[in-house]
Protein backbone atom coordinates (compact mmCIF):
# COMPACT_ATOMS: atom_id res chain seq x y z
CA MET A 1 11.58 -4.69 41.88
CA SER A 2 11.49 -3.78 38.19
CA ARG A 3 8.48 -2.00 36.83
CA TRP A 4 5.75 -3.74 34.85
CA PRO A 5 4.81 -3.88 32.02
CA ARG A 6 8.19 -3.95 30.30
CA PRO A 7 9.04 -4.02 26.57
CA THR A 8 11.26 -7.03 27.26
CA SER A 9 8.52 -9.12 28.88
CA PRO A 10 7.33 -12.23 27.02
CA ALA A 11 4.11 -11.69 25.08
CA TRP A 12 2.72 -15.11 25.96
CA LEU A 13 2.03 -13.91 29.49
CA VAL A 14 -0.44 -11.36 28.12
CA HIS A 15 -2.05 -13.91 25.81
CA ALA A 16 -2.37 -16.44 28.62
CA GLY A 17 -3.73 -13.80 30.98
CA LEU A 18 -6.40 -12.85 28.44
CA VAL A 19 -7.51 -16.46 28.06
CA VAL A 20 -7.56 -17.14 31.81
CA VAL A 21 -9.32 -13.93 32.83
CA GLY A 22 -11.75 -14.18 29.93
CA THR A 23 -12.66 -17.75 30.83
CA LEU A 24 -13.11 -16.97 34.52
CA ALA A 25 -15.20 -13.87 33.80
CA SER A 26 -17.40 -15.75 31.33
CA VAL A 27 -17.99 -18.68 33.68
CA ALA A 28 -18.67 -16.36 36.60
CA TYR A 29 -21.16 -14.33 34.56
CA VAL A 30 -23.04 -17.30 33.14
CA PHE A 31 -23.45 -19.05 36.50
CA ALA A 32 -24.03 -15.93 38.59
CA GLU A 33 -27.40 -14.88 39.96
CA PRO A 34 -29.21 -12.34 37.73
CA HIS A 35 -28.69 -9.52 40.22
CA LEU A 36 -24.92 -10.20 40.28
CA GLN A 37 -24.42 -10.32 36.52
CA PRO A 38 -24.44 -6.51 36.07
CA VAL A 39 -21.82 -6.25 38.81
CA ILE A 40 -19.54 -8.74 37.07
CA PHE A 41 -20.07 -7.01 33.73
CA THR A 42 -19.27 -3.59 35.22
CA LEU A 43 -16.11 -4.91 36.86
CA VAL A 44 -14.93 -6.25 33.50
CA THR A 45 -15.51 -2.85 31.87
CA LEU A 46 -13.11 -1.37 34.45
CA VAL A 47 -10.25 -3.73 33.55
CA PRO A 48 -9.09 -1.84 30.42
CA ILE A 49 -9.19 1.44 32.33
CA VAL A 50 -6.90 -0.08 34.95
CA THR A 51 -4.45 -1.54 32.41
CA PHE A 52 -4.33 1.73 30.46
CA GLY A 53 -3.70 3.60 33.70
CA ILE A 54 -0.86 1.25 34.64
CA ALA A 55 0.73 1.45 31.19
CA LEU A 56 0.51 5.25 31.17
CA GLY A 57 1.69 5.57 34.76
CA THR A 58 4.80 3.45 34.13
CA ARG A 59 5.42 5.26 30.81
CA HIS A 60 5.15 1.96 28.99
CA LEU A 61 2.98 3.88 26.52
CA THR A 62 4.51 6.87 24.77
CA HIS A 63 2.66 9.74 23.05
CA ARG A 64 0.32 10.06 26.02
CA ARG A 65 -2.28 12.47 24.59
CA PRO A 66 -3.97 10.10 22.09
CA TRP A 67 -3.82 7.27 24.63
CA MET A 68 -5.52 9.55 27.17
CA ILE A 69 -8.28 10.30 24.66
CA ALA A 70 -8.78 6.58 24.08
CA MET A 71 -8.87 6.04 27.84
CA ALA A 72 -11.51 8.79 28.16
CA GLY A 73 -13.63 6.87 25.67
CA LEU A 74 -13.29 3.76 27.82
CA VAL A 75 -14.32 5.70 30.94
CA LEU A 76 -17.40 7.08 29.17
CA LEU A 77 -18.24 3.60 27.93
CA SER A 78 -17.91 2.09 31.40
CA LEU A 79 -20.08 4.81 32.94
CA SER A 80 -22.71 4.35 30.24
CA MET A 81 -22.81 0.59 30.72
CA ALA A 82 -23.08 1.04 34.50
CA TYR A 83 -25.86 3.62 34.24
CA TRP A 84 -27.84 1.67 31.65
CA SER A 85 -27.09 -1.70 33.20
CA ASP A 86 -30.01 -3.34 31.38
CA TRP A 87 -28.79 -2.28 27.91
CA VAL A 88 -27.74 -5.86 27.15
CA SER A 89 -29.86 -7.92 29.53
CA GLY A 90 -32.97 -5.93 28.61
CA HIS A 91 -32.49 -6.72 24.88
CA HIS A 92 -31.92 -3.06 24.00
CA LEU A 93 -28.65 -3.86 22.21
CA GLY A 94 -29.63 -4.84 18.68
CA ARG A 95 -33.12 -3.38 18.73
CA ALA A 96 -32.01 -0.10 17.10
CA GLU A 97 -34.33 1.93 19.31
CA GLY A 98 -32.34 5.16 19.11
CA ARG A 99 -32.38 5.68 22.89
CA VAL A 100 -30.08 8.04 24.78
CA ALA A 101 -28.08 4.97 25.80
CA ASP A 102 -27.43 4.18 22.15
CA PHE A 103 -26.11 7.70 21.57
CA ALA A 104 -23.90 7.63 24.66
CA ILE A 105 -22.38 4.23 23.88
CA ALA A 106 -21.85 5.12 20.20
CA SER A 107 -20.16 8.37 21.30
CA ALA A 108 -17.89 6.43 23.65
CA HIS A 109 -16.93 4.10 20.79
CA LEU A 110 -16.11 7.07 18.56
CA LEU A 111 -14.05 8.78 21.27
CA PHE A 112 -12.01 5.63 21.87
CA LEU A 113 -11.50 5.07 18.13
CA PHE A 114 -10.48 8.73 17.71
CA GLY A 115 -7.78 8.29 20.34
CA ALA A 116 -6.64 5.00 18.82
CA GLY A 117 -6.49 6.70 15.43
CA GLY A 118 -4.21 9.36 16.89
CA VAL A 119 -1.94 6.63 18.20
CA LEU A 120 -1.77 4.93 14.80
CA ARG A 121 -1.61 8.04 12.63
CA LYS A 122 2.12 7.68 11.90
CA HIS A 123 1.49 4.29 10.33
CA GLY A 124 -1.10 5.77 8.01
CA ALA A 125 0.92 8.88 7.15
CA ASN A 126 3.02 7.00 4.60
CA ASP A 127 0.19 4.77 3.39
CA ALA A 128 -2.80 7.08 3.07
CA GLY A 129 -4.02 5.39 -0.10
CA GLY A 130 -3.89 1.93 1.42
CA MET A 131 -5.64 3.10 4.57
CA LEU A 132 -8.45 4.73 2.59
CA ASP A 133 -8.87 1.60 0.48
CA ALA A 134 -9.04 -0.54 3.63
CA ALA A 135 -11.61 1.79 5.20
CA LEU A 136 -13.68 1.70 2.02
CA PHE A 137 -13.59 -2.08 2.06
CA GLY A 138 -14.88 -2.05 5.62
CA VAL A 139 -17.70 0.37 4.80
CA CYS A 140 -18.68 -1.77 1.81
CA THR A 141 -18.84 -4.94 3.92
CA ALA A 142 -21.31 -3.22 6.24
CA GLY A 143 -23.87 -3.20 3.41
CA PRO A 144 -24.20 -6.99 3.06
CA ILE A 145 -24.05 -7.42 6.85
CA TRP A 146 -26.93 -5.00 7.22
CA ALA A 147 -29.01 -6.31 4.33
CA TRP A 148 -28.60 -10.04 4.97
CA LEU A 149 -28.06 -10.39 8.72
CA ILE A 150 -29.51 -7.37 10.52
CA ALA A 151 -32.36 -5.77 8.55
CA PRO A 152 -34.45 -8.98 8.19
CA ARG A 153 -34.34 -9.46 11.98
CA LEU A 154 -35.22 -5.96 13.16
CA THR A 155 -38.18 -5.82 15.54
CA GLU A 156 -41.07 -3.41 15.85
CA PHE A 157 -39.03 -1.47 18.43
CA SER A 158 -36.57 -0.18 15.82
CA THR A 159 -36.68 3.44 14.69
CA PRO A 160 -35.05 5.09 11.66
CA LEU A 161 -32.68 6.97 13.96
CA GLY A 162 -31.78 3.80 15.84
CA GLU A 163 -31.21 1.95 12.58
CA MET A 164 -28.89 4.70 11.38
CA LEU A 165 -26.90 4.52 14.62
CA LEU A 166 -26.64 0.73 14.39
CA ILE A 167 -25.47 0.56 10.78
CA ALA A 168 -23.09 3.49 11.32
CA ASP A 169 -21.57 1.66 14.30
CA ILE A 170 -21.17 -1.53 12.25
CA ALA A 171 -19.69 0.36 9.28
CA VAL A 172 -17.21 2.32 11.41
CA LEU A 173 -16.08 -0.83 13.21
CA ALA A 174 -15.65 -2.64 9.88
CA ALA A 175 -13.67 0.30 8.49
CA VAL A 176 -11.42 0.31 11.56
CA VAL A 177 -10.82 -3.44 11.20
CA GLY A 178 -9.80 -2.87 7.58
CA CYS A 179 -7.37 -0.11 8.57
CA LEU A 180 -5.89 -2.18 11.39
CA ALA A 181 -5.42 -5.14 9.06
CA ARG A 182 -3.63 -2.85 6.61
CA ILE A 183 -1.39 -1.46 9.36
CA GLY A 184 -0.69 -4.94 10.66
CA THR A 185 0.78 -6.01 7.32
CA ARG A 186 3.32 -3.18 7.54
CA ALA A 187 3.94 -2.87 11.29
CA ARG A 188 5.18 -6.37 12.07
CA ARG A 189 6.84 -5.40 15.34
CA ALA A 190 3.59 -4.01 16.75
CA SER A 191 1.36 -6.77 15.40
CA GLY A 192 0.43 -7.96 18.91
CA PRO A 193 -1.34 -4.85 20.26
CA ILE A 194 -2.68 -3.98 16.81
CA GLY A 195 -4.11 -7.49 16.58
CA TYR A 196 -5.83 -7.01 19.92
CA LEU A 197 -7.42 -3.77 18.70
CA ALA A 198 -8.68 -5.48 15.55
CA LEU A 199 -9.96 -8.46 17.55
CA CYS A 200 -11.85 -6.10 19.85
CA CYS A 201 -13.63 -4.51 16.88
CA LEU A 202 -14.51 -7.90 15.40
CA VAL A 203 -15.85 -9.22 18.71
CA THR A 204 -17.86 -6.02 19.22
CA MET A 205 -19.43 -6.49 15.78
CA ALA A 206 -20.23 -10.09 16.71
CA ALA A 207 -21.88 -8.83 19.91
CA HIS A 208 -24.04 -6.45 17.86
CA LEU A 209 -25.13 -9.34 15.64
CA SER A 210 -25.84 -11.49 18.68
CA GLY A 211 -27.92 -8.68 20.13
CA VAL A 212 -29.93 -8.43 16.92
CA LEU A 213 -30.54 -12.18 16.85
CA THR A 214 -31.80 -12.17 20.46
CA ALA A 215 -33.63 -8.82 20.35
CA SER A 216 -37.07 -10.43 20.15
CA GLY A 217 -36.41 -12.70 23.13
CA GLY A 218 -34.11 -15.36 24.43
CA GLY A 219 -30.99 -15.36 26.53
CA THR A 220 -28.44 -12.57 26.41
CA ASP A 221 -25.54 -14.41 28.03
CA ALA A 222 -23.74 -14.92 24.71
CA THR A 223 -23.98 -11.21 23.89
CA SER A 224 -22.69 -10.23 27.32
CA VAL A 225 -19.80 -12.70 27.14
CA LEU A 226 -18.79 -11.35 23.73
CA LEU A 227 -18.80 -7.78 25.01
CA MET A 228 -16.76 -8.75 28.08
CA PHE A 229 -14.22 -10.48 25.85
CA ALA A 230 -14.03 -7.31 23.73
CA TYR A 231 -13.26 -5.29 26.87
CA LEU A 232 -10.55 -7.75 27.89
CA THR A 233 -8.87 -7.67 24.47
CA ILE A 234 -8.69 -3.89 24.79
CA ALA A 235 -7.23 -4.35 28.26
CA ALA A 236 -4.49 -6.59 26.85
CA ALA A 237 -3.35 -4.11 24.19
CA PRO A 238 -1.63 -1.47 26.42
CA ILE A 239 0.24 -4.02 28.55
CA HIS A 240 1.54 -6.00 25.57
CA PRO A 241 5.36 -5.75 25.39
CA ALA A 242 5.13 -4.30 21.88
CA ALA A 243 2.64 -1.57 22.83
CA PRO A 244 5.29 1.21 22.73
CA LEU A 245 6.00 0.28 19.10
CA VAL A 246 2.43 1.08 18.04
CA THR A 247 3.45 4.72 17.60
CA LYS A 248 6.68 3.84 15.74
CA PRO A 249 6.24 2.73 12.11
CA ASP A 250 8.56 -0.06 10.95
CA ARG A 251 9.15 1.56 7.58
CA PRO A 252 8.94 5.35 7.69
CA GLY A 253 9.43 7.04 4.35
CA ARG A 254 7.57 8.24 1.33
CA GLU A 255 3.95 7.67 0.50
CA VAL A 256 3.19 4.18 -0.79
CA SER A 257 1.55 4.56 -4.17
CA GLY A 258 0.70 1.78 -6.60
CA GLU A 259 -1.80 1.48 -9.41
CA PRO A 260 -4.82 3.79 -9.09
CA PRO A 261 -7.72 1.55 -7.91
CA LEU A 262 -10.36 3.15 -10.12
CA VAL A 263 -12.36 -0.08 -10.44
CA TRP A 264 -12.34 -0.54 -6.69
CA ILE A 265 -13.47 3.06 -6.16
CA GLY A 266 -16.34 2.48 -8.56
CA VAL A 267 -17.34 -0.67 -6.67
CA ALA A 268 -17.19 1.22 -3.39
CA LEU A 269 -19.51 3.90 -4.72
CA CYS A 270 -22.01 1.44 -6.19
CA ALA A 271 -22.05 -1.41 -3.65
CA ASN A 272 -24.33 -0.02 -0.96
CA PRO A 273 -26.69 1.80 -3.40
CA LEU A 274 -27.12 -1.46 -5.35
CA ILE A 275 -27.89 -3.41 -2.17
CA ALA A 276 -30.31 -0.67 -1.11
CA ALA A 277 -31.99 -0.86 -4.52
CA VAL A 278 -32.50 -4.60 -4.14
CA GLN A 279 -33.96 -4.01 -0.67
CA ALA A 280 -36.29 -1.32 -1.99
CA ILE A 281 -37.53 -3.56 -4.80
CA SER A 282 -38.31 -6.27 -2.26
CA GLY A 283 -40.24 -3.76 -0.14
CA ASP A 284 -37.73 -3.45 2.71
CA SER A 285 -38.09 -0.03 4.36
CA SER A 286 -34.55 -0.21 5.81
CA ALA A 287 -33.14 0.39 2.31
CA ASN A 288 -33.30 4.14 2.85
CA VAL A 289 -31.16 3.82 5.96
CA LEU A 290 -28.47 1.82 4.17
CA LEU A 291 -28.41 4.24 1.24
CA ALA A 292 -28.15 7.31 3.48
CA VAL A 293 -25.56 6.02 5.94
CA GLY A 294 -23.57 4.12 3.32
CA SER A 295 -23.31 7.19 1.12
CA VAL A 296 -22.42 9.51 4.00
CA LEU A 297 -19.54 7.22 4.97
CA ALA A 298 -18.34 6.04 1.56
CA VAL A 299 -18.46 9.24 -0.50
CA PRO A 300 -16.05 11.25 1.71
CA LEU A 301 -13.61 8.33 1.69
CA VAL A 302 -13.80 8.12 -2.09
CA LEU A 303 -13.25 11.87 -2.42
CA LEU A 304 -10.25 11.68 -0.09
CA ARG A 305 -8.86 8.78 -2.13
CA LEU A 306 -9.28 10.70 -5.39
CA ARG A 307 -7.60 13.73 -3.85
CA GLN A 308 -4.74 11.56 -2.59
CA MET A 309 -4.31 10.06 -6.06
CA SER A 310 -4.30 13.56 -7.55
CA VAL A 311 -1.64 14.69 -5.08
CA LEU A 312 0.52 11.66 -5.88
CA ARG A 313 0.16 12.30 -9.59
CA SER A 314 1.10 15.96 -9.17
CA GLU A 315 4.14 14.99 -7.12
CA ALA A 316 5.16 12.44 -9.75
CA GLU A 317 4.80 15.03 -12.51
CA ARG A 318 6.90 17.52 -10.55
CA THR A 319 9.52 14.86 -9.93
CA LEU A 320 9.65 13.93 -13.61
CA ALA A 321 9.88 17.59 -14.60
CA HIS A 322 12.71 18.10 -12.13
CA HIS A 323 14.62 15.06 -13.40
CA ALA A 324 14.08 16.21 -16.98
CA HIS A 325 15.80 19.53 -16.28
CA HIS A 326 18.32 18.70 -13.56
CA ASP A 327 21.42 16.60 -13.19
CA GLU A 328 20.68 13.58 -11.02
CA LEU A 329 24.07 13.54 -9.28
CA THR A 330 24.52 17.19 -8.36
CA GLY A 331 21.01 18.60 -8.58
CA LEU A 332 22.23 21.36 -10.90
CA ALA A 333 20.53 22.26 -14.15
CA ASN A 334 21.36 19.74 -16.87
CA ARG A 335 22.53 20.45 -20.41
CA ARG A 336 18.98 20.67 -21.78
CA HIS A 337 17.81 23.14 -19.15
CA VAL A 338 20.96 25.25 -19.44
CA GLY A 339 20.52 25.43 -23.21
CA ALA A 340 16.92 26.58 -22.84
CA GLU A 341 17.95 29.26 -20.33
CA ILE A 342 20.68 30.56 -22.66
CA ASP A 343 18.18 30.75 -25.53
CA ARG A 344 15.77 32.66 -23.30
CA ALA A 345 18.49 35.08 -22.21
CA LEU A 346 19.55 35.70 -25.82
CA ASP A 347 15.93 36.41 -26.76
CA ASP A 348 15.73 38.95 -23.93
CA LEU A 349 18.99 40.49 -25.15
CA ARG A 350 17.65 40.88 -28.68
CA ALA A 351 14.43 42.38 -27.32
CA GLY A 352 16.42 44.98 -25.39
CA HIS A 353 15.54 43.67 -21.93
CA LEU A 354 19.21 42.87 -21.15
CA ASP A 355 22.43 44.69 -21.94
CA GLN A 356 24.74 41.68 -21.64
CA VAL A 357 24.68 37.89 -21.49
CA THR A 358 27.73 35.95 -20.31
CA VAL A 359 28.44 32.23 -20.34
CA LEU A 360 31.24 30.88 -18.14
CA LEU A 361 32.58 27.35 -18.45
CA PHE A 362 34.52 25.63 -15.69
CA ASP A 363 36.52 22.43 -16.11
CA LEU A 364 38.09 20.72 -13.10
CA ASP A 365 41.85 20.17 -12.98
CA GLY A 366 43.10 17.07 -11.20
CA PHE A 367 39.72 15.33 -11.06
CA LYS A 368 40.65 12.23 -13.07
CA PRO A 369 43.47 11.12 -10.70
CA ILE A 370 41.02 11.33 -7.78
CA ASN A 371 38.48 9.25 -9.68
CA ASP A 372 41.13 6.68 -10.64
CA ARG A 373 42.64 6.39 -7.17
CA PHE A 374 39.60 6.50 -4.90
CA GLY A 375 36.88 5.19 -7.22
CA HIS A 376 33.74 6.56 -8.79
CA SER A 377 31.92 7.04 -5.49
CA ALA A 378 34.68 9.39 -4.35
CA GLY A 379 34.56 11.16 -7.69
CA ASP A 380 30.81 11.62 -7.29
CA ALA A 381 31.36 13.10 -3.84
CA VAL A 382 33.86 15.58 -5.28
CA LEU A 383 31.42 16.60 -8.01
CA ARG A 384 28.68 17.19 -5.44
CA ALA A 385 31.03 19.28 -3.31
CA VAL A 386 32.08 21.32 -6.36
CA ALA A 387 28.44 21.89 -7.30
CA SER A 388 27.63 23.10 -3.79
CA ARG A 389 30.58 25.49 -3.70
CA LEU A 390 29.85 26.75 -7.19
CA CYS A 391 26.29 27.61 -6.17
CA GLY A 392 27.69 29.46 -3.17
CA ALA A 393 29.96 31.57 -5.37
CA VAL A 394 27.36 32.88 -7.82
CA GLU A 395 24.44 35.26 -7.49
CA ARG A 396 20.94 34.01 -6.82
CA GLU A 397 19.76 34.98 -10.31
CA ASP A 398 22.56 33.07 -12.06
CA VAL A 399 21.91 29.69 -13.65
CA VAL A 400 24.38 26.98 -12.64
CA GLY A 401 24.50 23.73 -14.59
CA ARG A 402 26.55 20.63 -15.19
CA LEU A 403 27.17 19.83 -18.83
CA GLY A 404 28.61 16.40 -18.13
CA GLY A 405 31.69 14.81 -16.60
CA ASP A 406 33.61 17.48 -14.68
CA GLU A 407 32.44 20.41 -16.79
CA PHE A 408 30.17 23.10 -15.31
CA LEU A 409 28.52 26.23 -16.71
CA VAL A 410 27.27 29.50 -15.25
CA LEU A 411 24.88 31.79 -17.11
CA ARG A 412 24.83 35.41 -15.95
CA ARG A 413 22.40 38.02 -17.24
CA GLY A 414 23.33 41.70 -17.40
CA ARG A 415 26.02 41.91 -14.71
CA SER A 416 29.81 41.93 -14.64
CA VAL A 417 31.66 38.64 -14.12
CA ALA A 418 35.15 40.09 -13.66
CA ASP A 419 35.81 38.49 -10.26
CA LEU A 420 33.69 35.37 -10.56
CA ALA A 421 36.42 33.07 -11.88
CA ASP A 422 38.77 34.05 -9.05
CA ARG A 423 36.04 33.54 -6.46
CA VAL A 424 35.18 30.11 -7.88
CA GLY A 425 38.84 29.18 -8.01
CA ASP A 426 39.36 30.14 -4.37
CA LEU A 427 36.36 28.13 -3.22
CA LEU A 428 37.18 25.04 -5.26
CA SER A 429 40.80 25.05 -4.12
CA LEU A 430 39.70 24.35 -0.57
CA PRO A 431 40.29 20.73 0.55
CA ILE A 432 37.51 18.15 0.14
CA GLU A 433 37.11 15.19 2.50
CA VAL A 434 36.58 11.94 0.56
CA ASP A 435 36.50 8.51 2.25
CA GLY A 436 38.74 9.68 5.07
CA ALA A 437 41.23 11.33 2.70
CA THR A 438 41.71 14.99 1.82
CA VAL A 439 41.83 15.90 -1.87
CA ARG A 440 42.02 19.11 -3.86
CA VAL A 441 40.96 20.10 -7.35
CA GLY A 442 41.72 23.12 -9.47
CA VAL A 443 39.64 24.78 -12.14
CA SER A 444 40.11 26.19 -15.63
CA ALA A 445 37.62 28.83 -16.71
CA GLY A 446 36.59 30.43 -19.95
CA ALA A 447 33.92 32.98 -20.77
CA ALA A 448 32.11 34.56 -23.68
CA SER A 449 29.92 37.65 -23.41
CA ALA A 450 27.58 39.34 -25.84
CA GLY A 451 25.79 42.65 -25.87
CA PRO A 452 23.05 44.28 -27.95
CA GLY A 453 23.38 44.22 -31.70
CA TYR A 454 25.31 40.99 -31.94
CA GLU A 455 23.67 38.15 -33.84
CA PHE A 456 24.69 34.72 -32.65
CA ASP A 457 23.19 31.56 -31.24
CA ARG A 458 23.68 29.46 -28.16
CA ASP A 459 26.19 27.05 -29.70
CA THR A 460 28.40 29.89 -30.87
CA LEU A 461 28.41 31.50 -27.44
CA ILE A 462 29.21 28.22 -25.67
CA GLY A 463 31.82 27.36 -28.28
CA ARG A 464 33.66 30.63 -27.69
CA ALA A 465 33.64 30.11 -23.92
CA ASP A 466 34.85 26.55 -24.45
CA ALA A 467 37.73 27.74 -26.61
CA GLU A 468 38.77 30.28 -23.98
CA MET A 469 38.61 27.61 -21.29
CA TYR A 470 40.92 25.26 -23.16
CA VAL A 471 43.42 28.08 -23.68
CA VAL A 472 43.50 28.51 -19.90
CA LYS A 473 43.73 24.77 -19.36
CA ALA A 474 46.71 24.61 -21.71
CA THR A 475 48.51 27.28 -19.68
CA HIS A 476 47.88 25.24 -16.55
CA ARG A 477 49.53 22.27 -18.15
CA LEU A 478 52.57 24.47 -18.78
CA GLY A 479 52.81 25.14 -15.06
CA ARG A 480 50.90 28.39 -14.67
CA ASP A 481 48.93 28.63 -11.46
CA GLU A 482 46.74 31.67 -12.07
CA ILE A 483 43.73 31.71 -14.32
CA PRO A 484 44.01 34.66 -16.73
CA SER A 485 41.36 37.26 -16.20
CA SER A 486 41.26 38.58 -19.76
CA PRO A 487 38.75 36.02 -21.05
CA ILE A 488 36.40 36.91 -18.20
CA SER A 489 36.61 40.68 -18.44
CA ALA A 490 36.88 41.00 -22.21
CA PRO A 491 34.23 43.23 -23.77
CA PRO A 492 31.54 41.69 -25.98
CA VAL A 493 32.85 40.62 -29.37
CA ARG A 494 30.74 40.49 -32.51
CA LEU A 495 30.30 36.88 -33.60
CA SER A 496 29.83 36.31 -37.29
């Protein structure tokens, strides 16, 4: 018999199971005797622990550690609900009393959400900005929910500490819903289990509101049914066929950027304080709670968002600076950067910090036939291979650049270059694999060196090396195979 759950199983079985079990549990709870209702409720709280255990035991869920943390949160939640069995039926949910039960249940929620966050962290790694924006949106929605739906209905049993716990729970759940919605738009393959997690948070928020509405009296069956349905949606997530994909982003890659949401950040900072101000003007004492909790949750998110925007901007500036000074194809220094380095070396030579500056030019022989026969993509591959080998032939302090086409330059400060042309020639003569074919290129080299006391500029130095290179290239056309060494080892010549 094959194991269950399986990634190849149809998802409708899980959906149908949720509906059937949820309906049966709700009907059984509503029509049960009062002394049996806590038993039914406790049994429902055990269902997600069982499904998580099955999914982990069959290795349906990968990355076990965060799932185990989430499961620990469920165990703590089930134990808390069993110990304080009258938390719902006794109208304590929604009263914001700040009891030990409120702390224990809120801690269980946080532990489960911490584990779920570990499971989903790879989805947020490449979309940190979007995740922070979604969390901010959730925190901001908690303000109106508190001011318009919860605060006006608080009873005399509420305490400032209990109110802070209640609004913090609502705000965290709303922030998690925002993050899950953001992830769901990018993780299409895992939308099923992610949808169940989001639905659980929404139903839990609805249960909180139901508890507030019935805190002063009335039946609690609706609140209990909502909480049981939240437990069952959590139970469905780990056995969904797509559950293993929750830890595997659909589109891994670079950070998603976009326009800086400065207006949105301003709204996020001002929303809850403005609502609290309206409450304070109307004489509502719960305004202080909203201002304190809203600020504690929103300000760190805003600071993280600003830091993330700053990091993205710094990375963009570094990328632009790199592209401005480097050849896009080979990654070598481009003509502009090479020119600036030569000018800097000549300044050091004039100041007496160097005793010699040498420029070497290399032009490929036989490159055009390769480009014509195999195409530009093959030619680009050859240029990249040449650039890599050229970097391997020079010293670490040398500057290697591509001037354009198949022409390369090496700038050497203060050291001999007598054997460099031969070393480059040997490396570049090795075969290069291109589109399944083996090709070879040669090289013509020319050099110009200068020592102290010689007045010249960059263009003159490059021009002399260029002239030497074309002399060598002409000899190659006449059938000579060896690059003359005299241009490389010639002593500095005064340039007028």
